[in-house]
Amino acid sequence: RAAVRWALDSNESEIVLRMTAALWRFWYFRGHLAEGRRWLAEALEAKDPTPHRAAALVAIGSVAYWQNDFTATRIFYEEALEINRMIGNEQGVAEALYNLGFTGLIEGDFSFANECYTQSRDLYERLSDAHGVASATWGLAMAALLSENLDAAAELGEETRLRFRALDDWFGQFNGMFVIYDVERRRGNFDAAERLMLEVVEGLSGKNDLLGAASVLEEFGNIEIHRGRPRRGLRLAGAAAQLKKTAGGGAPPALVAVPDARELVAGNLPEKEMAELWAEGEAMSLDEALAYLKKAPEED
């Protein structure tokens, strides 16, 4: 914070753009989305169309994405793409196309999303960027998943997982496994979905990834409700909701596609009990919520 403040006050625009662009994923992991966006907005007051400005635009677009401010997300990503094309930065173009594809997923324009990810993957392959290819493959997997092409989604999800495993990138592997998990969930294969989610939980241990944990808890709560354990499902969903509130954002609802746990349980439990169970989940810390998830389920 002191270094960013110094760079801003000293009009060191290149330094502050580089710093804030590099910090955005830290702000995501640690649940500092609002603070990160404020720093990035101040850094972006420098208007020169440089690669560093383009990178900071991708960063603020990504923060806005996790805040679920999707109108701003598209504006930031589109400007990043425009700058990178103007200055001939192919690496930046590939990244901007990859990120812009998510606006298509959110808006339900899967043709646009597929085109963005395909162009991004082609560029990354030409640049011999294995991490970029893996990321664009995940985008294609998500487009297949959300358009209900489940066979293709499962295949691309597995390819994503294997590519990121070869790069020793656990976060990327989590993304691939999420696609495979959601294919199983959508098909009603809850045992297989549960096994995958428990594997993800083990990977989360010690990482303090608030938003990743929130997604896992929300998804697992959905599984528990469908398997006839509504009380456990409500506690997990309540814990997820509190983590998202703490972080100031969450995964886009259109991408996660999990119904509100309270709506799923409505009519099966008294409203007072539902509220109490939700509050019990909200009161859990991150570690407590993950421990509860891994504990053998009660008969509820």
C-alpha atoms as a PDB file:
ATOM      1  CA  ARG A   1       0.000   0.000   0.000  1.00  0.00           C
ATOM      2  CA  ALA A   2       2.803   2.384   0.866  1.00  0.00           C
ATOM      3  CA  ALA A   3       4.612   1.599  -2.379  1.00  0.00           C
ATOM      4  CA  VAL A   4       1.502   2.076  -4.520  1.00  0.00           C
ATOM      5  CA  ARG A   5       0.693   5.304  -2.711  1.00  0.00           C
ATOM      6  CA  TRP A   6       4.252   6.553  -3.266  1.00  0.00           C
ATOM      7  CA  ALA A   7       4.098   5.723  -6.990  1.00  0.00           C
ATOM      8  CA  LEU A   8       0.787   7.535  -7.374  1.00  0.00           C
ATOM      9  CA  ASP A   9       1.907  10.619  -5.462  1.00  0.00           C
ATOM     10  CA  SER A  10       5.203  10.691  -7.399  1.00  0.00           C
ATOM     11  CA  ASN A  11       3.431  10.482 -10.792  1.00  0.00           C
ATOM     12  CA  GLU A  12       5.277   7.249 -11.540  1.00  0.00           C
ATOM     13  CA  SER A  13       2.513   6.081 -13.848  1.00  0.00           C
ATOM     14  CA  GLU A  14       4.364   3.123 -15.383  1.00  0.00           C
ATOM     15  CA  ILE A  15       5.393   1.766 -11.988  1.00  0.00           C
ATOM     16  CA  VAL A  16       1.911   2.062 -10.494  1.00  0.00           C
ATOM     17  CA  LEU A  17       0.262   0.466 -13.533  1.00  0.00           C
ATOM     18  CA  ARG A  18       2.695  -2.450 -13.395  1.00  0.00           C
ATOM     19  CA  MET A  19       2.193  -2.897  -9.651  1.00  0.00           C
ATOM     20  CA  THR A  20      -1.578  -2.745  -9.615  1.00  0.00           C
ATOM     21  CA  ALA A  21      -1.895  -4.995 -12.681  1.00  0.00           C
ATOM     22  CA  ALA A  22       0.295  -7.583 -10.927  1.00  0.00           C
ATOM     23  CA  LEU A  23      -1.590  -7.334  -7.615  1.00  0.00           C
ATOM     24  CA  TRP A  24      -5.137  -7.982  -8.792  1.00  0.00           C
ATOM     25  CA  ARG A  25      -5.058 -11.749  -8.248  1.00  0.00           C
ATOM     26  CA  PHE A  26      -3.771 -11.212  -4.705  1.00  0.00           C
ATOM     27  CA  TRP A  27      -6.701  -8.875  -4.070  1.00  0.00           C
ATOM     28  CA  TYR A  28      -9.022 -11.558  -5.450  1.00  0.00           C
ATOM     29  CA  PHE A  29      -7.593 -14.376  -3.319  1.00  0.00           C
ATOM     30  CA  ARG A  30      -7.577 -12.372  -0.107  1.00  0.00           C
ATOM     31  CA  GLY A  31     -10.999 -10.766  -0.553  1.00  0.00           C
ATOM     32  CA  HIS A  32      -9.854  -7.154  -1.108  1.00  0.00           C
ATOM     33  CA  LEU A  33     -11.838  -6.522  -4.297  1.00  0.00           C
ATOM     34  CA  ALA A  34     -13.149  -3.061  -3.419  1.00  0.00           C
ATOM     35  CA  GLU A  35      -9.726  -1.837  -2.290  1.00  0.00           C
ATOM     36  CA  GLY A  36      -8.057  -3.258  -5.385  1.00  0.00           C
ATOM     37  CA  ARG A  37     -10.532  -1.559  -7.669  1.00  0.00           C
ATOM     38  CA  ARG A  38      -9.915   1.804  -5.988  1.00  0.00           C
ATOM     39  CA  TRP A  39      -6.140   1.478  -6.493  1.00  0.00           C
ATOM     40  CA  LEU A  40      -6.567   0.410 -10.118  1.00  0.00           C
ATOM     41  CA  ALA A  41      -9.006   3.225 -10.896  1.00  0.00           C
ATOM     42  CA  GLU A  42      -6.528   5.769  -9.551  1.00  0.00           C
ATOM     43  CA  ALA A  43      -3.645   4.166 -11.448  1.00  0.00           C
ATOM     44  CA  LEU A  44      -5.644   4.247 -14.687  1.00  0.00           C
ATOM     45  CA  GLU A  45      -5.976   8.029 -14.576  1.00  0.00           C
ATOM     46  CA  ALA A  46      -2.807   7.894 -16.715  1.00  0.00           C
ATOM     47  CA  LYS A  47      -4.293   7.650 -20.227  1.00  0.00           C
ATOM     48  CA  ASP A  48      -1.289   6.764 -22.418  1.00  0.00           C
ATOM     49  CA  PRO A  49      -2.087   3.667 -24.555  1.00  0.00           C
ATOM     50  CA  THR A  50       0.768   1.502 -23.305  1.00  0.00           C
ATOM     51  CA  PRO A  51       1.040  -2.247 -22.627  1.00  0.00           C
ATOM     52  CA  HIS A  52       1.023  -1.427 -18.909  1.00  0.00           C
ATOM     53  CA  ARG A  53      -2.279   0.446 -19.198  1.00  0.00           C
ATOM     54  CA  ALA A  54      -3.755  -2.482 -21.140  1.00  0.00           C
ATOM     55  CA  ALA A  55      -2.630  -4.899 -18.408  1.00  0.00           C
ATOM     56  CA  ALA A  56      -4.148  -2.708 -15.705  1.00  0.00           C
ATOM     57  CA  LEU A  57      -7.410  -2.557 -17.698  1.00  0.00           C
ATOM     58  CA  VAL A  58      -7.499  -6.357 -17.745  1.00  0.00           C
ATOM     59  CA  ALA A  59      -6.866  -6.314 -13.992  1.00  0.00           C
ATOM     60  CA  ILE A  60      -9.654  -3.848 -13.166  1.00  0.00           C
ATOM     61  CA  GLY A  61     -11.969  -5.677 -15.561  1.00  0.00           C
ATOM     62  CA  SER A  62     -11.241  -8.897 -13.682  1.00  0.00           C
ATOM     63  CA  VAL A  63     -11.875  -7.261 -10.302  1.00  0.00           C
ATOM     64  CA  ALA A  64     -15.167  -5.854 -11.642  1.00  0.00           C
ATOM     65  CA  TYR A  65     -16.020  -9.342 -12.938  1.00  0.00           C
ATOM     66  CA  TRP A  66     -15.679 -10.843  -9.453  1.00  0.00           C
ATOM     67  CA  GLN A  67     -17.714  -7.934  -8.080  1.00  0.00           C
ATOM     68  CA  ASN A  68     -20.394  -8.932 -10.617  1.00  0.00           C
ATOM     69  CA  ASP A  69     -20.245  -5.500 -12.283  1.00  0.00           C
ATOM     70  CA  PHE A  70     -20.422  -6.933 -15.780  1.00  0.00           C
ATOM     71  CA  THR A  71     -21.143  -3.718 -17.680  1.00  0.00           C
ATOM     72  CA  ALA A  72     -17.867  -2.271 -16.418  1.00  0.00           C
ATOM     73  CA  THR A  73     -16.103  -5.577 -17.054  1.00  0.00           C
ATOM     74  CA  ARG A  74     -16.902  -5.439 -20.768  1.00  0.00           C
ATOM     75  CA  ILE A  75     -15.856  -1.785 -21.067  1.00  0.00           C
ATOM     76  CA  PHE A  76     -12.469  -2.437 -19.453  1.00  0.00           C
ATOM     77  CA  TYR A  77     -11.766  -5.617 -21.441  1.00  0.00           C
ATOM     78  CA  GLU A  78     -12.750  -3.993 -24.739  1.00  0.00           C
ATOM     79  CA  GLU A  79     -10.398  -1.054 -24.142  1.00  0.00           C
ATOM     80  CA  ALA A  80      -7.576  -3.467 -23.267  1.00  0.00           C
ATOM     81  CA  LEU A  81      -8.171  -5.338 -26.530  1.00  0.00           C
ATOM     82  CA  GLU A  82      -8.244  -2.079 -28.498  1.00  0.00           C
ATOM     83  CA  ILE A  83      -4.933  -0.875 -27.030  1.00  0.00           C
ATOM     84  CA  ASN A  84      -3.182  -4.197 -27.537  1.00  0.00           C
ATOM     85  CA  ARG A  85      -4.291  -4.365 -31.167  1.00  0.00           C
ATOM     86  CA  MET A  86      -3.225  -0.774 -31.752  1.00  0.00           C
ATOM     87  CA  ILE A  87       0.291  -1.329 -30.401  1.00  0.00           C
ATOM     88  CA  GLY A  88       0.678  -4.779 -31.973  1.00  0.00           C
ATOM     89  CA  ASN A  89       0.966  -6.684 -28.686  1.00  0.00           C
ATOM     90  CA  GLU A  90      -0.133 -10.196 -29.687  1.00  0.00           C
ATOM     91  CA  GLN A  91       0.299 -11.578 -26.173  1.00  0.00           C
ATOM     92  CA  GLY A  92      -1.968  -8.841 -24.858  1.00  0.00           C
ATOM     93  CA  VAL A  93      -4.506  -9.436 -27.641  1.00  0.00           C
ATOM     94  CA  ALA A  94      -4.670 -13.142 -26.760  1.00  0.00           C
ATOM     95  CA  GLU A  95      -5.251 -12.358 -23.082  1.00  0.00           C
ATOM     96  CA  ALA A  96      -7.833  -9.670 -23.808  1.00  0.00           C
ATOM     97  CA  LEU A  97      -9.772 -11.989 -26.139  1.00  0.00           C
ATOM     98  CA  TYR A  98      -9.716 -14.710 -23.490  1.00  0.00           C
ATOM     99  CA  ASN A  99     -11.112 -12.337 -20.883  1.00  0.00           C
ATOM    100  CA  LEU A 100     -13.671 -10.815 -23.239  1.00  0.00           C
ATOM    101  CA  GLY A 101     -15.041 -14.296 -23.877  1.00  0.00           C
ATOM    102  CA  PHE A 102     -16.423 -14.363 -20.341  1.00  0.00           C
ATOM    103  CA  THR A 103     -18.713 -11.446 -21.109  1.00  0.00           C
ATOM    104  CA  GLY A 104     -20.244 -13.636 -23.815  1.00  0.00           C
ATOM    105  CA  LEU A 105     -20.753 -16.461 -21.321  1.00  0.00           C
ATOM    106  CA  ILE A 106     -22.415 -14.115 -18.844  1.00  0.00           C
ATOM    107  CA  GLU A 107     -24.690 -12.636 -21.525  1.00  0.00           C
ATOM    108  CA  GLY A 108     -25.563 -16.052 -22.968  1.00  0.00           C
ATOM    109  CA  ASP A 109     -23.882 -15.271 -26.304  1.00  0.00           C
ATOM    110  CA  PHE A 110     -22.005 -18.561 -26.599  1.00  0.00           C
ATOM    111  CA  SER A 111     -21.132 -18.033 -30.266  1.00  0.00           C
ATOM    112  CA  PHE A 112     -19.278 -14.820 -29.356  1.00  0.00           C
ATOM    113  CA  ALA A 113     -17.582 -16.531 -26.418  1.00  0.00           C
ATOM    114  CA  ASN A 114     -16.449 -19.447 -28.591  1.00  0.00           C
ATOM    115  CA  GLU A 115     -15.036 -17.086 -31.192  1.00  0.00           C
ATOM    116  CA  CYS A 116     -13.076 -15.160 -28.558  1.00  0.00           C
ATOM    117  CA  TYR A 117     -11.646 -18.328 -26.985  1.00  0.00           C
ATOM    118  CA  THR A 118     -10.816 -19.896 -30.357  1.00  0.00           C
ATOM    119  CA  GLN A 119      -8.952 -16.787 -31.518  1.00  0.00           C
ATOM    120  CA  SER A 120      -7.213 -16.553 -28.150  1.00  0.00           C
ATOM    121  CA  ARG A 121      -6.138 -20.196 -28.236  1.00  0.00           C
ATOM    122  CA  ASP A 122      -4.843 -19.881 -31.803  1.00  0.00           C
ATOM    123  CA  LEU A 123      -2.750 -16.863 -30.823  1.00  0.00           C
ATOM    124  CA  TYR A 124      -1.396 -18.545 -27.705  1.00  0.00           C
ATOM    125  CA  GLU A 125      -0.441 -21.613 -29.745  1.00  0.00           C
ATOM    126  CA  ARG A 126       1.428 -19.431 -32.224  1.00  0.00           C
ATOM    127  CA  LEU A 127       3.216 -17.745 -29.329  1.00  0.00           C
ATOM    128  CA  SER A 128       4.063 -21.145 -27.751  1.00  0.00           C
ATOM    129  CA  ASP A 129       2.341 -20.028 -24.531  1.00  0.00           C
ATOM    130  CA  ALA A 130       1.281 -23.272 -22.844  1.00  0.00           C
ATOM    131  CA  HIS A 131      -0.451 -21.510 -19.942  1.00  0.00           C
ATOM    132  CA  GLY A 132      -2.458 -19.344 -22.329  1.00  0.00           C
ATOM    133  CA  VAL A 133      -3.503 -22.389 -24.367  1.00  0.00           C
ATOM    134  CA  ALA A 134      -4.683 -24.106 -21.173  1.00  0.00           C
ATOM    135  CA  SER A 135      -6.660 -21.021 -20.139  1.00  0.00           C
ATOM    136  CA  ALA A 136      -8.352 -20.652 -23.536  1.00  0.00           C
ATOM    137  CA  THR A 137      -9.194 -24.366 -23.463  1.00  0.00           C
ATOM    138  CA  TRP A 138     -10.965 -23.790 -20.157  1.00  0.00           C
ATOM    139  CA  GLY A 139     -12.944 -20.965 -21.774  1.00  0.00           C
ATOM    140  CA  LEU A 140     -14.051 -23.323 -24.538  1.00  0.00           C
ATOM    141  CA  ALA A 141     -14.989 -25.888 -21.875  1.00  0.00           C
ATOM    142  CA  MET A 142     -17.160 -23.351 -20.058  1.00  0.00           C
ATOM    143  CA  ALA A 143     -18.870 -22.331 -23.294  1.00  0.00           C
ATOM    144  CA  ALA A 144     -19.674 -25.980 -24.000  1.00  0.00           C
ATOM    145  CA  LEU A 145     -20.919 -26.497 -20.442  1.00  0.00           C
ATOM    146  CA  LEU A 146     -23.238 -23.507 -20.395  1.00  0.00           C
ATOM    147  CA  SER A 147     -24.638 -24.304 -23.824  1.00  0.00           C
ATOM    148  CA  GLU A 148     -25.454 -27.824 -22.488  1.00  0.00           C
ATOM    149  CA  ASN A 149     -22.987 -29.599 -24.793  1.00  0.00           C
ATOM    150  CA  LEU A 150     -21.993 -31.817 -21.890  1.00  0.00           C
ATOM    151  CA  ASP A 151     -19.930 -34.393 -23.779  1.00  0.00           C
ATOM    152  CA  ALA A 152     -17.704 -31.673 -25.255  1.00  0.00           C
ATOM    153  CA  ALA A 153     -17.565 -29.891 -21.895  1.00  0.00           C
ATOM    154  CA  ALA A 154     -16.340 -33.040 -20.127  1.00  0.00           C
ATOM    155  CA  GLU A 155     -13.664 -33.636 -22.776  1.00  0.00           C
ATOM    156  CA  LEU A 156     -12.449 -30.028 -22.744  1.00  0.00           C
ATOM    157  CA  GLY A 157     -12.593 -29.899 -18.937  1.00  0.00           C
ATOM    158  CA  GLU A 158     -10.337 -32.944 -18.723  1.00  0.00           C
ATOM    159  CA  GLU A 159      -7.964 -31.447 -21.294  1.00  0.00           C
ATOM    160  CA  THR A 160      -7.858 -28.260 -19.196  1.00  0.00           C
ATOM    161  CA  ARG A 161      -7.078 -30.210 -16.037  1.00  0.00           C
ATOM    162  CA  LEU A 162      -4.271 -32.165 -17.681  1.00  0.00           C
ATOM    163  CA  ARG A 163      -2.719 -29.092 -19.302  1.00  0.00           C
ATOM    164  CA  PHE A 164      -2.632 -27.209 -16.010  1.00  0.00           C
ATOM    165  CA  ARG A 165      -1.359 -30.259 -14.137  1.00  0.00           C
ATOM    166  CA  ALA A 166       1.592 -30.391 -16.543  1.00  0.00           C
ATOM    167  CA  LEU A 167       2.263 -26.754 -15.624  1.00  0.00           C
ATOM    168  CA  ASP A 168       1.956 -27.479 -11.877  1.00  0.00           C
ATOM    169  CA  ASP A 169      -0.841 -24.886 -11.686  1.00  0.00           C
ATOM    170  CA  TRP A 170      -3.342 -25.940  -9.030  1.00  0.00           C
ATOM    171  CA  PHE A 171      -5.710 -23.016  -9.636  1.00  0.00           C
ATOM    172  CA  GLY A 172      -5.995 -23.938 -13.303  1.00  0.00           C
ATOM    173  CA  GLN A 173      -6.580 -27.588 -12.414  1.00  0.00           C
ATOM    174  CA  PHE A 174      -9.405 -26.440 -10.124  1.00  0.00           C
ATOM    175  CA  ASN A 175     -11.054 -24.725 -13.110  1.00  0.00           C
ATOM    176  CA  GLY A 176     -10.860 -27.871 -15.217  1.00  0.00           C
ATOM    177  CA  MET A 177     -12.203 -29.999 -12.396  1.00  0.00           C
ATOM    178  CA  PHE A 178     -15.078 -27.562 -11.884  1.00  0.00           C
ATOM    179  CA  VAL A 179     -16.240 -28.198 -15.456  1.00  0.00           C
ATOM    180  CA  ILE A 180     -16.063 -31.981 -14.993  1.00  0.00           C
ATOM    181  CA  TYR A 181     -17.852 -31.676 -11.646  1.00  0.00           C
ATOM    182  CA  ASP A 182     -20.638 -29.538 -13.117  1.00  0.00           C
ATOM    183  CA  VAL A 183     -21.144 -31.977 -15.971  1.00  0.00           C
ATOM    184  CA  GLU A 184     -21.705 -34.735 -13.382  1.00  0.00           C
ATOM    185  CA  ARG A 185     -23.987 -32.489 -11.304  1.00  0.00           C
ATOM    186  CA  ARG A 186     -26.112 -31.548 -14.315  1.00  0.00           C
ATOM    187  CA  ARG A 187     -26.403 -35.217 -15.235  1.00  0.00           C
ATOM    188  CA  GLY A 188     -27.548 -36.067 -11.716  1.00  0.00           C
ATOM    189  CA  ASN A 189     -24.430 -38.100 -10.921  1.00  0.00           C
ATOM    190  CA  PHE A 190     -24.111 -36.703  -7.412  1.00  0.00           C
ATOM    191  CA  ASP A 191     -21.711 -39.352  -6.078  1.00  0.00           C
ATOM    192  CA  ALA A 192     -19.185 -38.569  -8.813  1.00  0.00           C
ATOM    193  CA  ALA A 193     -19.750 -34.836  -8.338  1.00  0.00           C
ATOM    194  CA  GLU A 194     -19.145 -35.159  -4.606  1.00  0.00           C
ATOM    195  CA  ARG A 195     -15.867 -37.042  -5.098  1.00  0.00           C
ATOM    196  CA  LEU A 196     -14.583 -34.336  -7.427  1.00  0.00           C
ATOM    197  CA  MET A 197     -15.595 -31.563  -5.059  1.00  0.00           C
ATOM    198  CA  LEU A 198     -13.889 -33.226  -2.097  1.00  0.00           C
ATOM    199  CA  GLU A 199     -10.707 -33.412  -4.176  1.00  0.00           C
ATOM    200  CA  VAL A 200     -10.988 -29.691  -4.840  1.00  0.00           C
ATOM    201  CA  VAL A 201     -11.502 -29.034  -1.127  1.00  0.00           C
ATOM    202  CA  GLU A 202      -8.238 -30.812  -0.337  1.00  0.00           C
ATOM    203  CA  GLY A 203      -6.490 -28.551  -2.815  1.00  0.00           C
ATOM    204  CA  LEU A 204      -7.996 -25.478  -1.158  1.00  0.00           C
ATOM    205  CA  SER A 205      -6.525 -26.368   2.230  1.00  0.00           C
ATOM    206  CA  GLY A 206      -4.207 -23.640   3.475  1.00  0.00           C
ATOM    207  CA  LYS A 207      -4.713 -21.362   0.459  1.00  0.00           C
ATOM    208  CA  ASN A 208      -7.164 -18.914   2.088  1.00  0.00           C
ATOM    209  CA  ASP A 209      -8.966 -18.471  -1.246  1.00  0.00           C
ATOM    210  CA  LEU A 210     -12.205 -16.896  -0.014  1.00  0.00           C
ATOM    211  CA  LEU A 211     -14.052 -16.790  -3.331  1.00  0.00           C
ATOM    212  CA  GLY A 212     -12.894 -20.214  -4.467  1.00  0.00           C
ATOM    213  CA  ALA A 213     -14.026 -21.662  -1.150  1.00  0.00           C
ATOM    214  CA  ALA A 214     -17.355 -19.836  -1.423  1.00  0.00           C
ATOM    215  CA  SER A 215     -18.003 -21.435  -4.815  1.00  0.00           C
ATOM    216  CA  VAL A 216     -17.125 -24.887  -3.490  1.00  0.00           C
ATOM    217  CA  LEU A 217     -19.356 -24.521  -0.426  1.00  0.00           C
ATOM    218  CA  GLU A 218     -22.244 -23.239  -2.544  1.00  0.00           C
ATOM    219  CA  GLU A 219     -21.906 -26.094  -5.031  1.00  0.00           C
ATOM    220  CA  PHE A 220     -21.578 -28.713  -2.290  1.00  0.00           C
ATOM    221  CA  GLY A 221     -24.609 -27.317  -0.504  1.00  0.00           C
ATOM    222  CA  ASN A 222     -26.595 -27.783  -3.709  1.00  0.00           C
ATOM    223  CA  ILE A 223     -25.487 -31.428  -3.921  1.00  0.00           C
ATOM    224  CA  GLU A 224     -26.478 -32.071  -0.295  1.00  0.00           C
ATOM    225  CA  ILE A 225     -29.965 -30.660  -0.816  1.00  0.00           C
ATOM    226  CA  HIS A 226     -30.487 -32.833  -3.901  1.00  0.00           C
ATOM    227  CA  ARG A 227     -29.314 -35.854  -1.908  1.00  0.00           C
ATOM    228  CA  GLY A 228     -31.932 -35.249   0.778  1.00  0.00           C
ATOM    229  CA  ARG A 229     -29.808 -33.397   3.357  1.00  0.00           C
ATOM    230  CA  PRO A 230     -31.408 -29.928   3.326  1.00  0.00           C
ATOM    231  CA  ARG A 231     -30.128 -28.813   6.745  1.00  0.00           C
ATOM    232  CA  ARG A 232     -26.518 -29.515   5.843  1.00  0.00           C
ATOM    233  CA  GLY A 233     -27.026 -27.885   2.466  1.00  0.00           C
ATOM    234  CA  LEU A 234     -28.412 -24.709   4.032  1.00  0.00           C
ATOM    235  CA  ARG A 235     -25.506 -24.420   6.473  1.00  0.00           C
ATOM    236  CA  LEU A 236     -22.984 -24.767   3.649  1.00  0.00           C
ATOM    237  CA  ALA A 237     -24.819 -22.244   1.488  1.00  0.00           C
ATOM    238  CA  GLY A 238     -25.009 -19.805   4.406  1.00  0.00           C
ATOM    239  CA  ALA A 239     -21.248 -20.119   4.927  1.00  0.00           C
ATOM    240  CA  ALA A 240     -20.697 -19.461   1.206  1.00  0.00           C
ATOM    241  CA  ALA A 241     -22.906 -16.377   1.307  1.00  0.00           C
ATOM    242  CA  GLN A 242     -20.944 -14.931   4.239  1.00  0.00           C
ATOM    243  CA  LEU A 243     -17.590 -15.504   2.509  1.00  0.00           C
ATOM    244  CA  LYS A 244     -18.855 -13.697  -0.593  1.00  0.00           C
ATOM    245  CA  LYS A 245     -20.116 -10.855   1.556  1.00  0.00           C
ATOM    246  CA  THR A 246     -16.722 -10.594   3.287  1.00  0.00           C
ATOM    247  CA  ALA A 247     -14.866 -10.565  -0.042  1.00  0.00           C
ATOM    248  CA  GLY A 248     -17.303  -8.176  -1.685  1.00  0.00           C
ATOM    249  CA  GLY A 249     -18.120 -10.374  -4.667  1.00  0.00           C
ATOM    250  CA  GLY A 250     -18.336 -13.896  -6.000  1.00  0.00           C
ATOM    251  CA  ALA A 251     -18.423 -16.088  -9.068  1.00  0.00           C
ATOM    252  CA  PRO A 252     -20.911 -14.821 -11.682  1.00  0.00           C
ATOM    253  CA  PRO A 253     -24.290 -16.478 -11.084  1.00  0.00           C
ATOM    254  CA  ALA A 254     -24.653 -17.172 -14.815  1.00  0.00           C
ATOM    255  CA  LEU A 255     -21.484 -19.271 -14.783  1.00  0.00           C
ATOM    256  CA  VAL A 256     -22.121 -21.156 -11.551  1.00  0.00           C
ATOM    257  CA  ALA A 257     -25.836 -21.725 -12.296  1.00  0.00           C
ATOM    258  CA  VAL A 258     -26.683 -22.942  -8.786  1.00  0.00           C
ATOM    259  CA  PRO A 259     -30.193 -22.103  -7.493  1.00  0.00           C
ATOM    260  CA  ASP A 260     -30.547 -20.369  -4.128  1.00  0.00           C
ATOM    261  CA  ALA A 261     -30.486 -23.090  -1.474  1.00  0.00           C
ATOM    262  CA  ARG A 262     -33.369 -21.452   0.395  1.00  0.00           C
ATOM    263  CA  GLU A 263     -35.564 -21.663  -2.695  1.00  0.00           C
ATOM    264  CA  LEU A 264     -34.741 -25.344  -3.135  1.00  0.00           C
ATOM    265  CA  VAL A 265     -35.662 -26.124   0.479  1.00  0.00           C
ATOM    266  CA  ALA A 266     -38.703 -23.833   0.743  1.00  0.00           C
ATOM    267  CA  GLY A 267     -41.786 -25.766   1.807  1.00  0.00           C
ATOM    268  CA  ASN A 268     -39.794 -28.692   3.181  1.00  0.00           C
ATOM    269  CA  LEU A 269     -38.620 -27.024   6.396  1.00  0.00           C
ATOM    270  CA  PRO A 270     -40.217 -24.372   8.633  1.00  0.00           C
ATOM    271  CA  GLU A 271     -39.043 -20.871   7.722  1.00  0.00           C
ATOM    272  CA  LYS A 272     -37.723 -20.265  11.239  1.00  0.00           C
ATOM    273  CA  GLU A 273     -35.554 -23.386  11.097  1.00  0.00           C
ATOM    274  CA  MET A 274     -34.300 -22.433   7.625  1.00  0.00           C
ATOM    275  CA  ALA A 275     -33.242 -19.014   8.925  1.00  0.00           C
ATOM    276  CA  GLU A 276     -31.482 -20.586  11.917  1.00  0.00           C
ATOM    277  CA  LEU A 277     -29.563 -23.052   9.728  1.00  0.00           C
ATOM    278  CA  TRP A 278     -28.524 -20.278   7.357  1.00  0.00           C
ATOM    279  CA  ALA A 279     -27.312 -18.183  10.294  1.00  0.00           C
ATOM    280  CA  GLU A 280     -25.302 -21.144  11.629  1.00  0.00           C
ATOM    281  CA  GLY A 281     -23.528 -21.327   8.287  1.00  0.00           C
ATOM    282  CA  GLU A 282     -22.900 -17.570   8.220  1.00  0.00           C
ATOM    283  CA  ALA A 283     -21.268 -17.778  11.641  1.00  0.00           C
ATOM    284  CA  MET A 284     -18.636 -20.274  10.459  1.00  0.00           C
ATOM    285  CA  SER A 285     -15.088 -19.201   9.672  1.00  0.00           C
ATOM    286  CA  LEU A 286     -13.506 -20.371   6.416  1.00  0.00           C
ATOM    287  CA  ASP A 287     -11.680 -23.207   8.179  1.00  0.00           C
ATOM    288  CA  GLU A 288     -14.790 -24.220  10.119  1.00  0.00           C
ATOM    289  CA  ALA A 289     -16.908 -24.300   6.971  1.00  0.00           C
ATOM    290  CA  LEU A 290     -14.410 -26.473   5.075  1.00  0.00           C
ATOM    291  CA  ALA A 291     -14.064 -28.792   8.079  1.00  0.00           C
ATOM    292  CA  TYR A 292     -17.855 -29.108   8.258  1.00  0.00           C
ATOM    293  CA  LEU A 293     -17.993 -29.909   4.551  1.00  0.00           C
ATOM    294  CA  LYS A 294     -15.436 -32.714   4.970  1.00  0.00           C
ATOM    295  CA  LYS A 295     -17.146 -34.140   8.072  1.00  0.00           C
ATOM    296  CA  ALA A 296     -19.312 -37.230   7.635  1.00  0.00           C
ATOM    297  CA  PRO A 297     -22.856 -35.975   6.927  1.00  0.00           C
ATOM    298  CA  GLU A 298     -25.514 -36.103   9.591  1.00  0.00           C
ATOM    299  CA  GLU A 299     -28.837 -37.706   8.818  1.00  0.00           C
ATOM    300  CA  ASP A 300     -30.574 -34.422   8.063  1.00  0.00           C
END
